[in-house]
Amino acid sequence: MNWRSILATTFVTALGLGLLSVAPDAQQPKGQPKGQPQQQTPPPPPKLMKDEVVGSWRLLIIDAIQADGTKVPLFGPNPRGLAIFGAEGRYSLQIMRDIGRPKFAGNDRLKGTAAEHKATVEGIITHFGIYAVNEADKSLTLRIEGSSFPNWDGMTQKRTITALAGDDFTWTNASPSSPSAAGDRIDLAWRRIK
């Protein structure tokens, strides 16, 4: 072998060894020290229910569930409602009948007829206050500060969360404001407002 062949072989070998020592560093993720094994990013932790509840929700269903399993829409087939749960722990909830709430003929809320007032009271439930979510037993506790049903003022009530995923939120109310009509419980379904 002549000196040129030896020199070429040495150069090619050195170049190959140099590339091998650089290759692992080229695959290192940004911000990771060289020579450290590549680390997998762990999946994000599951969201807590207390965080998922936060937001505004539009009512889809409010059904009384009778002892035999029959569902009775309490506020008509297309109830209207809004529930807002703030990150600071306060809430506001309004539900009203979609039909059967006649306008006041005199256009004065304080001078409605007995029938107009009756239809209004029976066609709406509202309350506001402070809420808490219990992850362990999947419940929503409402400390009601004020309600359109005065008997609920100052009460603390518990709702069982039956589903809370993405844009869907359902719960059961075992302490309805009208037990004579509500049956065993009330099921409510909500959709997140975006």
Protein backbone atom coordinates (compact mmCIF):
# COMPACT_ATOMS: atom_id res chain seq x y z
CA MET A 1 0.00 0.00 0.00
CA ASN A 2 1.27 3.39 -0.83
CA TRP A 3 1.17 6.38 1.50
CA ARG A 4 -1.74 7.97 -0.39
CA SER A 5 -3.95 4.89 0.15
CA ILE A 6 -3.01 4.76 3.84
CA LEU A 7 -3.75 8.46 4.22
CA ALA A 8 -7.14 8.14 2.43
CA THR A 9 -8.14 5.12 4.55
CA THR A 10 -7.16 6.92 7.76
CA PHE A 11 -9.10 10.05 6.72
CA VAL A 12 -12.26 8.06 5.85
CA THR A 13 -12.06 6.09 9.14
CA ALA A 14 -11.59 9.26 11.21
CA LEU A 15 -14.46 10.96 9.41
CA GLY A 16 -16.75 7.96 10.06
CA LEU A 17 -15.83 7.84 13.75
CA GLY A 18 -16.42 11.58 14.04
CA LEU A 19 -19.90 11.28 12.51
CA LEU A 20 -20.79 8.42 14.87
CA SER A 21 -19.87 10.50 17.91
CA VAL A 22 -21.94 13.46 16.64
CA ALA A 23 -25.07 11.50 15.59
CA PRO A 24 -26.55 10.94 19.09
CA ASP A 25 -26.20 14.64 19.93
CA ALA A 26 -28.07 15.53 16.75
CA GLN A 27 -31.05 13.57 18.06
CA GLN A 28 -31.11 15.24 21.50
CA PRO A 29 -34.29 17.27 22.13
CA LYS A 30 -33.81 21.00 22.51
CA GLY A 31 -33.15 22.07 26.06
CA GLN A 32 -31.92 18.63 27.16
CA PRO A 33 -28.25 18.36 28.23
CA LYS A 34 -26.03 16.49 25.80
CA GLY A 35 -25.25 12.93 26.72
CA GLN A 36 -28.56 12.47 28.59
CA PRO A 37 -30.98 9.78 27.40
CA GLN A 38 -34.02 11.11 25.55
CA GLN A 39 -36.98 11.51 27.92
CA GLN A 40 -40.61 10.89 27.01
CA THR A 41 -43.06 13.67 27.86
CA PRO A 42 -45.58 12.27 30.34
CA PRO A 43 -49.24 12.57 29.41
CA PRO A 44 -51.05 15.49 31.04
CA PRO A 45 -52.86 14.60 34.27
CA PRO A 46 -56.62 14.10 33.94
CA LYS A 47 -58.70 17.23 34.50
CA LEU A 48 -60.30 17.58 37.88
CA MET A 49 -64.09 17.80 37.97
CA LYS A 50 -63.88 21.13 39.80
CA ASP A 51 -62.02 22.55 36.80
CA GLU A 52 -64.33 20.94 34.22
CA VAL A 53 -67.43 22.45 35.85
CA VAL A 54 -66.20 26.02 35.37
CA GLY A 55 -68.01 27.79 32.55
CA SER A 56 -71.45 28.53 31.16
CA TRP A 57 -73.94 25.74 30.48
CA ARG A 58 -77.18 25.68 28.45
CA LEU A 59 -80.00 23.47 29.71
CA LEU A 60 -81.05 20.58 27.44
CA ILE A 61 -83.28 18.45 29.67
CA ILE A 62 -84.95 18.69 33.08
CA ASP A 63 -87.00 15.55 33.64
CA ALA A 64 -88.78 14.22 36.71
CA ILE A 65 -88.10 10.50 37.06
CA GLN A 66 -91.08 8.62 38.46
CA ALA A 67 -90.80 5.44 40.58
CA ASP A 68 -91.51 3.29 37.50
CA GLY A 69 -88.76 5.05 35.49
CA THR A 70 -91.15 7.25 33.49
CA LYS A 71 -89.61 10.60 32.49
CA VAL A 72 -91.79 13.70 32.73
CA PRO A 73 -90.44 17.00 31.34
CA LEU A 74 -90.88 19.51 34.20
CA PHE A 75 -90.50 22.67 32.15
CA GLY A 76 -91.84 21.50 28.81
CA PRO A 77 -90.17 19.60 25.97
CA ASN A 78 -87.67 22.41 25.24
CA PRO A 79 -86.83 24.07 28.56
CA ARG A 80 -84.67 27.15 28.64
CA GLY A 81 -81.93 27.49 31.20
CA LEU A 82 -78.48 28.75 32.01
CA ALA A 83 -76.02 27.69 34.69
CA ILE A 84 -72.79 29.59 35.26
CA PHE A 85 -70.04 28.21 37.50
CA GLY A 86 -67.18 30.62 38.18
CA ALA A 87 -63.61 29.59 38.96
CA GLU A 88 -63.90 31.52 42.26
CA GLY A 89 -66.65 29.14 43.48
CA ARG A 90 -69.81 31.16 42.81
CA TYR A 91 -72.73 30.02 40.66
CA SER A 92 -75.98 31.28 39.17
CA LEU A 93 -78.73 29.07 37.73
CA GLN A 94 -81.98 29.91 35.91
CA ILE A 95 -84.53 27.51 34.42
CA MET A 96 -87.81 28.42 32.77
CA ARG A 97 -90.63 26.76 30.92
CA ASP A 98 -90.50 27.04 27.15
CA ILE A 99 -94.29 27.24 26.80
CA GLY A 100 -97.21 28.26 29.02
CA ARG A 101 -95.78 31.51 30.32
CA PRO A 102 -98.22 34.09 28.99
CA LYS A 103 -97.17 37.70 28.63
CA PHE A 104 -98.74 40.08 31.13
CA ALA A 105 -101.65 41.83 29.39
CA GLY A 106 -101.05 45.10 31.25
CA ASN A 107 -97.30 45.06 30.42
CA ASP A 108 -96.56 45.70 34.12
CA ARG A 109 -94.86 42.97 36.17
CA LEU A 110 -96.37 44.32 39.40
CA LYS A 111 -99.93 44.46 38.06
CA GLY A 112 -100.37 41.01 36.55
CA THR A 113 -103.49 38.96 37.06
CA ALA A 114 -103.53 36.04 39.49
CA ALA A 115 -103.35 33.64 36.53
CA GLU A 116 -100.38 35.51 35.02
CA HIS A 117 -98.49 35.45 38.33
CA LYS A 118 -99.29 31.76 38.88
CA ALA A 119 -98.01 30.82 35.40
CA THR A 120 -94.85 32.86 35.98
CA VAL A 121 -94.06 31.33 39.38
CA GLU A 122 -94.75 27.80 38.20
CA GLY A 123 -92.71 28.30 35.05
CA ILE A 124 -89.38 29.36 36.57
CA ILE A 125 -86.80 28.37 39.17
CA THR A 126 -83.66 30.40 39.82
CA HIS A 127 -81.01 30.40 42.50
CA PHE A 128 -77.47 31.59 43.11
CA GLY A 129 -74.76 31.16 45.70
CA ILE A 130 -71.56 29.23 46.33
CA TYR A 131 -70.71 25.79 44.98
CA ALA A 132 -68.18 23.05 45.65
CA VAL A 133 -67.33 19.85 43.78
CA ASN A 134 -66.45 16.67 45.66
CA GLU A 135 -64.25 14.50 43.44
CA ALA A 136 -64.50 11.43 45.70
CA ASP A 137 -68.29 11.01 45.63
CA LYS A 138 -68.84 12.90 42.35
CA SER A 139 -71.15 15.47 43.83
CA LEU A 140 -71.94 19.14 43.43
CA THR A 141 -72.88 20.99 46.63
CA LEU A 142 -74.82 24.23 46.29
CA ARG A 143 -75.04 26.68 49.18
CA ILE A 144 -78.06 28.67 48.03
CA GLU A 145 -77.95 32.33 49.01
CA GLY A 146 -81.13 33.32 47.17
CA SER A 147 -83.81 31.56 45.14
CA SER A 148 -87.06 32.32 43.34
CA PHE A 149 -88.41 29.54 45.62
CA PRO A 150 -87.97 31.25 49.03
CA ASN A 151 -87.92 27.95 50.93
CA TRP A 152 -84.48 27.29 49.43
CA ASP A 153 -82.92 30.56 50.68
CA GLY A 154 -79.97 29.71 52.91
CA MET A 155 -80.15 25.96 52.20
CA THR A 156 -77.28 23.67 51.26
CA GLN A 157 -78.17 21.01 48.70
CA LYS A 158 -76.25 18.21 47.05
CA ARG A 159 -76.50 17.07 43.43
CA THR A 160 -75.05 13.78 42.18
CA ILE A 161 -72.92 14.30 39.06
CA THR A 162 -73.77 11.49 36.66
CA ALA A 163 -71.56 12.65 33.76
CA LEU A 164 -69.04 15.41 33.19
CA ALA A 165 -66.97 15.08 30.06
CA GLY A 166 -66.02 17.70 27.51
CA ASP A 167 -69.13 19.67 26.66
CA ASP A 168 -71.69 17.49 28.48
CA PHE A 169 -72.68 17.81 32.13
CA THR A 170 -75.51 15.87 33.80
CA TRP A 171 -76.63 15.66 37.39
CA THR A 172 -79.44 14.31 39.54
CA ASN A 173 -81.34 16.38 42.09
CA ALA A 174 -82.87 14.33 44.90
CA SER A 175 -84.37 17.41 46.64
CA PRO A 176 -86.69 19.05 44.09
CA SER A 177 -88.65 22.23 44.77
CA SER A 178 -91.90 20.45 43.84
CA PRO A 179 -91.72 16.88 45.15
CA SER A 180 -95.41 16.34 44.44
CA ALA A 181 -94.72 16.67 40.70
CA ALA A 182 -91.12 15.55 40.55
CA GLY A 183 -91.33 11.94 41.65
CA ASP A 184 -88.20 10.26 42.96
CA ARG A 185 -85.63 12.63 41.48
CA ILE A 186 -84.91 15.16 38.75
CA ASP A 187 -82.33 14.56 36.01
CA LEU A 188 -80.77 17.58 34.30
CA ALA A 189 -78.58 17.62 31.20
CA TRP A 190 -76.50 20.62 30.16
CA ARG A 191 -74.28 21.52 27.20
CA ARG A 192 -71.28 23.82 27.49
CA ILE A 193 -71.69 27.22 25.83
CA LYS A 194 -68.65 28.13 23.75
